[in-house]
Amino acid sequence: MLRSSPDPETALRRLRLRVLLKLMALGGVVALALAFSAQFVSLPGGSGPEPRSLDLAQIEAGEVKRLRWNGRHVLVVHRDAALLESLEAVEAEALRDPQARRGRQPEGLALPERSFTPDWLVVYGESADLGCELDLVHPEQADGWPGGFEDRCRGGRYDAAGRVFRDQPGARNLEIPQYRLHGDGERLILGGS
């Protein structure tokens, strides 16, 4: 049986459709390549998120301030005597990483506090494994553990310095953002140099 060739108008329409589909596929590949390579290239003036300042006088001892910065939850904790004592009560064997080698944090933080000054802790307020929001559990309210942070999804626990306990689902300590204290510890500056 003989097949008849399509009329010139149908053939032209098919050719245009094939060219259009190939151009769309090429555009998708280029967009994907640009998005992937943008993660490895820093543009001038794009040195990171805008710094954010926080007046620390508004946070009472034993309280936590929640804020959003760099698209993430940040917790600023004014540790009172009970929270600091809870750090001393935690035995190294109870923690997965007592020396905080696996957590992201700025250089120069003191251990076991994981902070530049014992009274203040600054951490991303999300669990290190699933990104679940965290709550501060004061030692006076902790039942059967020293207190610290607990995630809202699975109840994973971290001590008052953000170090993960050994028997918890998370494998890493809480991440600490780049920050500095300014004006004799009166202001917290997130980000910047």
C-alpha atoms as a PDB file:
ATOM      1  CA  MET A   1       0.000   0.000   0.000  1.00  0.00           C
ATOM      2  CA  LEU A   2       1.346   3.381  -0.936  1.00  0.00           C
ATOM      3  CA  ARG A   3       1.392   6.174   1.611  1.00  0.00           C
ATOM      4  CA  SER A   4       0.710   9.561   0.322  1.00  0.00           C
ATOM      5  CA  SER A   5       3.095  12.278   1.359  1.00  0.00           C
ATOM      6  CA  PRO A   6       1.593  15.020   3.517  1.00  0.00           C
ATOM      7  CA  ASP A   7       0.705  18.238   1.846  1.00  0.00           C
ATOM      8  CA  PRO A   8       3.330  20.994   2.102  1.00  0.00           C
ATOM      9  CA  GLU A   9       1.315  22.960   4.664  1.00  0.00           C
ATOM     10  CA  THR A  10       1.094  19.983   7.088  1.00  0.00           C
ATOM     11  CA  ALA A  11       4.791  19.211   6.620  1.00  0.00           C
ATOM     12  CA  LEU A  12       5.681  22.846   7.426  1.00  0.00           C
ATOM     13  CA  ARG A  13       3.481  22.812  10.538  1.00  0.00           C
ATOM     14  CA  ARG A  14       5.191  19.591  11.771  1.00  0.00           C
ATOM     15  CA  LEU A  15       8.625  21.078  11.149  1.00  0.00           C
ATOM     16  CA  ARG A  16       7.733  24.215  13.122  1.00  0.00           C
ATOM     17  CA  LEU A  17       6.415  22.086  15.992  1.00  0.00           C
ATOM     18  CA  ARG A  18       9.601  19.991  16.113  1.00  0.00           C
ATOM     19  CA  VAL A  19      11.782  23.122  16.108  1.00  0.00           C
ATOM     20  CA  LEU A  20       9.665  24.710  18.849  1.00  0.00           C
ATOM     21  CA  LEU A  21       9.876  21.574  21.037  1.00  0.00           C
ATOM     22  CA  LYS A  22      13.654  21.375  20.588  1.00  0.00           C
ATOM     23  CA  LEU A  23      14.046  25.076  21.480  1.00  0.00           C
ATOM     24  CA  MET A  24      11.931  24.582  24.609  1.00  0.00           C
ATOM     25  CA  ALA A  25      14.032  21.584  25.676  1.00  0.00           C
ATOM     26  CA  LEU A  26      17.241  23.548  25.046  1.00  0.00           C
ATOM     27  CA  GLY A  27      15.875  26.475  27.093  1.00  0.00           C
ATOM     28  CA  GLY A  28      15.086  24.134  29.989  1.00  0.00           C
ATOM     29  CA  VAL A  29      18.605  22.667  29.918  1.00  0.00           C
ATOM     30  CA  VAL A  30      20.156  26.160  29.869  1.00  0.00           C
ATOM     31  CA  ALA A  31      17.939  27.356  32.757  1.00  0.00           C
ATOM     32  CA  LEU A  32      18.850  24.274  34.797  1.00  0.00           C
ATOM     33  CA  ALA A  33      22.560  24.772  34.101  1.00  0.00           C
ATOM     34  CA  LEU A  34      22.375  28.452  35.121  1.00  0.00           C
ATOM     35  CA  ALA A  35      20.516  27.634  38.335  1.00  0.00           C
ATOM     36  CA  PHE A  36      23.042  24.932  39.204  1.00  0.00           C
ATOM     37  CA  SER A  37      26.093  27.076  38.462  1.00  0.00           C
ATOM     38  CA  ALA A  38      24.688  30.080  40.384  1.00  0.00           C
ATOM     39  CA  GLN A  39      25.249  28.148  43.601  1.00  0.00           C
ATOM     40  CA  PHE A  40      29.003  28.097  42.952  1.00  0.00           C
ATOM     41  CA  VAL A  41      29.484  31.649  41.722  1.00  0.00           C
ATOM     42  CA  SER A  42      29.226  34.700  43.962  1.00  0.00           C
ATOM     43  CA  LEU A  43      28.311  37.926  42.271  1.00  0.00           C
ATOM     44  CA  PRO A  44      29.958  41.234  43.214  1.00  0.00           C
ATOM     45  CA  GLY A  45      28.052  42.875  46.036  1.00  0.00           C
ATOM     46  CA  GLY A  46      26.278  39.613  46.843  1.00  0.00           C
ATOM     47  CA  SER A  47      28.463  38.672  49.794  1.00  0.00           C
ATOM     48  CA  GLY A  48      25.607  37.212  51.797  1.00  0.00           C
ATOM     49  CA  PRO A  49      22.445  38.164  53.577  1.00  0.00           C
ATOM     50  CA  GLU A  50      21.902  41.632  54.941  1.00  0.00           C
ATOM     51  CA  PRO A  51      23.177  41.939  58.541  1.00  0.00           C
ATOM     52  CA  ARG A  52      20.509  42.250  61.211  1.00  0.00           C
ATOM     53  CA  SER A  53      20.864  43.971  64.557  1.00  0.00           C
ATOM     54  CA  LEU A  54      19.069  43.048  67.780  1.00  0.00           C
ATOM     55  CA  ASP A  55      18.990  44.918  71.089  1.00  0.00           C
ATOM     56  CA  LEU A  56      19.809  42.282  73.717  1.00  0.00           C
ATOM     57  CA  ALA A  57      18.399  44.345  76.614  1.00  0.00           C
ATOM     58  CA  GLN A  58      14.894  43.294  75.570  1.00  0.00           C
ATOM     59  CA  ILE A  59      15.567  39.611  76.356  1.00  0.00           C
ATOM     60  CA  GLU A  60      15.328  38.653  80.035  1.00  0.00           C
ATOM     61  CA  ALA A  61      17.546  35.922  81.525  1.00  0.00           C
ATOM     62  CA  GLY A  62      16.014  32.511  80.840  1.00  0.00           C
ATOM     63  CA  GLU A  63      14.067  33.759  77.798  1.00  0.00           C
ATOM     64  CA  VAL A  64      14.399  33.192  74.076  1.00  0.00           C
ATOM     65  CA  LYS A  65      13.793  35.641  71.208  1.00  0.00           C
ATOM     66  CA  ARG A  66      12.596  34.149  67.909  1.00  0.00           C
ATOM     67  CA  LEU A  67      13.264  35.956  64.664  1.00  0.00           C
ATOM     68  CA  ARG A  68      13.648  35.317  60.937  1.00  0.00           C
ATOM     69  CA  TRP A  69      16.910  36.058  59.207  1.00  0.00           C
ATOM     70  CA  ASN A  70      18.356  34.794  55.951  1.00  0.00           C
ATOM     71  CA  GLY A  71      15.087  32.914  55.325  1.00  0.00           C
ATOM     72  CA  ARG A  72      15.474  30.829  58.488  1.00  0.00           C
ATOM     73  CA  HIS A  73      14.337  30.803  62.110  1.00  0.00           C
ATOM     74  CA  VAL A  74      16.930  32.068  64.581  1.00  0.00           C
ATOM     75  CA  LEU A  75      16.756  31.689  68.345  1.00  0.00           C
ATOM     76  CA  VAL A  76      18.626  34.099  70.612  1.00  0.00           C
ATOM     77  CA  VAL A  77      18.729  32.641  74.118  1.00  0.00           C
ATOM     78  CA  HIS A  78      19.676  34.634  77.216  1.00  0.00           C
ATOM     79  CA  ARG A  79      20.886  31.765  79.360  1.00  0.00           C
ATOM     80  CA  ASP A  80      20.220  32.097  83.063  1.00  0.00           C
ATOM     81  CA  ALA A  81      22.057  30.250  85.871  1.00  0.00           C
ATOM     82  CA  ALA A  82      19.834  27.147  85.528  1.00  0.00           C
ATOM     83  CA  LEU A  83      20.541  26.806  81.787  1.00  0.00           C
ATOM     84  CA  LEU A  84      24.285  27.254  82.360  1.00  0.00           C
ATOM     85  CA  GLU A  85      24.225  24.689  85.179  1.00  0.00           C
ATOM     86  CA  SER A  86      22.406  22.250  82.903  1.00  0.00           C
ATOM     87  CA  LEU A  87      25.420  22.345  80.565  1.00  0.00           C
ATOM     88  CA  GLU A  88      27.658  21.233  83.414  1.00  0.00           C
ATOM     89  CA  ALA A  89      25.198  18.470  84.323  1.00  0.00           C
ATOM     90  CA  VAL A  90      25.334  16.897  80.845  1.00  0.00           C
ATOM     91  CA  GLU A  91      27.930  14.131  80.691  1.00  0.00           C
ATOM     92  CA  ALA A  92      30.015  13.903  77.512  1.00  0.00           C
ATOM     93  CA  GLU A  93      28.909  10.276  76.993  1.00  0.00           C
ATOM     94  CA  ALA A  94      25.287  11.439  76.729  1.00  0.00           C
ATOM     95  CA  LEU A  95      26.086  13.550  73.628  1.00  0.00           C
ATOM     96  CA  ARG A  96      26.795  12.420  70.074  1.00  0.00           C
ATOM     97  CA  ASP A  97      29.353  15.165  69.490  1.00  0.00           C
ATOM     98  CA  PRO A  98      30.370  16.775  72.799  1.00  0.00           C
ATOM     99  CA  GLN A  99      33.232  18.742  71.205  1.00  0.00           C
ATOM    100  CA  ALA A 100      30.887  20.117  68.489  1.00  0.00           C
ATOM    101  CA  ARG A 101      32.991  18.918  65.564  1.00  0.00           C
ATOM    102  CA  ARG A 102      30.075  18.034  63.275  1.00  0.00           C
ATOM    103  CA  GLY A 103      27.987  21.180  63.673  1.00  0.00           C
ATOM    104  CA  ARG A 104      28.325  24.316  61.584  1.00  0.00           C
ATOM    105  CA  GLN A 105      29.437  27.210  63.725  1.00  0.00           C
ATOM    106  CA  PRO A 106      31.696  30.272  63.623  1.00  0.00           C
ATOM    107  CA  GLU A 107      35.333  29.880  64.638  1.00  0.00           C
ATOM    108  CA  GLY A 108      36.336  30.727  68.181  1.00  0.00           C
ATOM    109  CA  LEU A 109      33.261  29.664  70.141  1.00  0.00           C
ATOM    110  CA  ALA A 110      33.936  28.517  73.707  1.00  0.00           C
ATOM    111  CA  LEU A 111      32.935  24.996  74.760  1.00  0.00           C
ATOM    112  CA  PRO A 112      30.720  23.709  76.241  1.00  0.00           C
ATOM    113  CA  GLU A 113      28.640  26.878  75.771  1.00  0.00           C
ATOM    114  CA  ARG A 114      29.200  27.114  71.973  1.00  0.00           C
ATOM    115  CA  SER A 115      29.044  30.894  72.227  1.00  0.00           C
ATOM    116  CA  PHE A 116      31.296  33.934  72.451  1.00  0.00           C
ATOM    117  CA  THR A 117      29.956  34.695  75.934  1.00  0.00           C
ATOM    118  CA  PRO A 118      28.323  32.151  78.261  1.00  0.00           C
ATOM    119  CA  ASP A 119      25.104  34.138  78.779  1.00  0.00           C
ATOM    120  CA  TRP A 120      24.097  34.216  75.091  1.00  0.00           C
ATOM    121  CA  LEU A 121      23.430  31.425  72.615  1.00  0.00           C
ATOM    122  CA  VAL A 122      22.476  32.078  69.008  1.00  0.00           C
ATOM    123  CA  VAL A 123      21.295  29.077  66.943  1.00  0.00           C
ATOM    124  CA  TYR A 124      19.196  28.403  63.898  1.00  0.00           C
ATOM    125  CA  GLY A 125      15.870  27.359  65.410  1.00  0.00           C
ATOM    126  CA  GLU A 126      15.461  24.241  63.276  1.00  0.00           C
ATOM    127  CA  SER A 127      16.453  20.659  63.978  1.00  0.00           C
ATOM    128  CA  ALA A 128      19.575  19.576  62.148  1.00  0.00           C
ATOM    129  CA  ASP A 129      17.932  16.604  60.423  1.00  0.00           C
ATOM    130  CA  LEU A 130      14.384  17.572  59.329  1.00  0.00           C
ATOM    131  CA  GLY A 131      14.394  21.338  59.850  1.00  0.00           C
ATOM    132  CA  CYS A 132      11.606  21.181  62.459  1.00  0.00           C
ATOM    133  CA  GLU A 133      11.052  24.223  64.664  1.00  0.00           C
ATOM    134  CA  LEU A 134      12.591  24.079  68.114  1.00  0.00           C
ATOM    135  CA  ASP A 135      11.309  25.011  71.539  1.00  0.00           C
ATOM    136  CA  LEU A 136      13.470  25.939  74.506  1.00  0.00           C
ATOM    137  CA  VAL A 137      12.753  23.628  77.446  1.00  0.00           C
ATOM    138  CA  HIS A 138      13.996  25.222  80.649  1.00  0.00           C
ATOM    139  CA  PRO A 139      15.632  22.774  83.100  1.00  0.00           C
ATOM    140  CA  GLU A 140      12.851  23.453  85.609  1.00  0.00           C
ATOM    141  CA  GLN A 141      10.289  22.163  83.073  1.00  0.00           C
ATOM    142  CA  ALA A 142      12.352  19.282  81.685  1.00  0.00           C
ATOM    143  CA  ASP A 143      11.110  15.902  82.845  1.00  0.00           C
ATOM    144  CA  GLY A 144      13.910  13.374  83.166  1.00  0.00           C
ATOM    145  CA  TRP A 145      16.511  15.256  81.120  1.00  0.00           C
ATOM    146  CA  PRO A 146      18.664  18.355  81.712  1.00  0.00           C
ATOM    147  CA  GLY A 147      16.662  20.617  79.405  1.00  0.00           C
ATOM    148  CA  GLY A 148      17.697  22.495  76.287  1.00  0.00           C
ATOM    149  CA  PHE A 149      15.924  22.327  72.925  1.00  0.00           C
ATOM    150  CA  GLU A 150      13.261  19.954  71.645  1.00  0.00           C
ATOM    151  CA  ASP A 151      12.044  19.756  68.056  1.00  0.00           C
ATOM    152  CA  ARG A 152       8.314  19.874  67.340  1.00  0.00           C
ATOM    153  CA  CYS A 153       8.237  16.964  64.858  1.00  0.00           C
ATOM    154  CA  ARG A 154       9.814  13.967  66.573  1.00  0.00           C
ATOM    155  CA  GLY A 155      10.762  15.380  69.953  1.00  0.00           C
ATOM    156  CA  GLY A 156      14.505  15.262  69.178  1.00  0.00           C
ATOM    157  CA  ARG A 157      16.517  16.818  72.008  1.00  0.00           C
ATOM    158  CA  TYR A 158      19.572  19.043  72.194  1.00  0.00           C
ATOM    159  CA  ASP A 159      21.282  20.465  75.271  1.00  0.00           C
ATOM    160  CA  ALA A 160      21.322  24.185  76.158  1.00  0.00           C
ATOM    161  CA  ALA A 161      24.283  24.657  73.796  1.00  0.00           C
ATOM    162  CA  GLY A 162      22.549  22.965  70.852  1.00  0.00           C
ATOM    163  CA  ARG A 163      24.521  19.706  71.057  1.00  0.00           C
ATOM    164  CA  VAL A 164      22.458  16.653  70.094  1.00  0.00           C
ATOM    165  CA  PHE A 165      21.958  13.895  72.642  1.00  0.00           C
ATOM    166  CA  ARG A 166      23.246  10.448  71.695  1.00  0.00           C
ATOM    167  CA  ASP A 167      19.890   8.608  71.646  1.00  0.00           C
ATOM    168  CA  GLN A 168      18.117  11.149  69.403  1.00  0.00           C
ATOM    169  CA  PRO A 169      17.199  10.939  65.697  1.00  0.00           C
ATOM    170  CA  GLY A 170      19.408  13.881  64.667  1.00  0.00           C
ATOM    171  CA  ALA A 171      23.076  13.200  63.994  1.00  0.00           C
ATOM    172  CA  ARG A 172      24.419  16.762  64.115  1.00  0.00           C
ATOM    173  CA  ASN A 173      24.461  19.624  66.546  1.00  0.00           C
ATOM    174  CA  LEU A 174      22.337  22.698  65.880  1.00  0.00           C
ATOM    175  CA  GLU A 175      23.870  25.132  63.421  1.00  0.00           C
ATOM    176  CA  ILE A 176      25.078  28.489  64.711  1.00  0.00           C
ATOM    177  CA  PRO A 177      24.926  31.446  62.286  1.00  0.00           C
ATOM    178  CA  GLN A 178      27.682  34.015  61.842  1.00  0.00           C
ATOM    179  CA  TYR A 179      27.181  36.691  64.471  1.00  0.00           C
ATOM    180  CA  ARG A 180      29.041  39.089  66.708  1.00  0.00           C
ATOM    181  CA  LEU A 181      28.328  41.004  69.879  1.00  0.00           C
ATOM    182  CA  HIS A 182      28.733  44.755  69.715  1.00  0.00           C
ATOM    183  CA  GLY A 183      28.896  47.549  72.314  1.00  0.00           C
ATOM    184  CA  ASP A 184      29.965  45.535  75.371  1.00  0.00           C
ATOM    185  CA  GLY A 185      27.448  42.818  74.540  1.00  0.00           C
ATOM    186  CA  GLU A 186      24.473  45.174  74.259  1.00  0.00           C
ATOM    187  CA  ARG A 187      23.721  44.432  70.591  1.00  0.00           C
ATOM    188  CA  LEU A 188      23.796  41.282  68.510  1.00  0.00           C
ATOM    189  CA  ILE A 189      24.702  41.594  64.830  1.00  0.00           C
ATOM    190  CA  LEU A 190      23.705  38.604  62.678  1.00  0.00           C
ATOM    191  CA  GLY A 191      25.800  38.210  59.538  1.00  0.00           C
ATOM    192  CA  GLY A 192      28.273  40.702  58.157  1.00  0.00           C
ATOM    193  CA  SER A 193      31.973  40.590  58.804  1.00  0.00           C
END
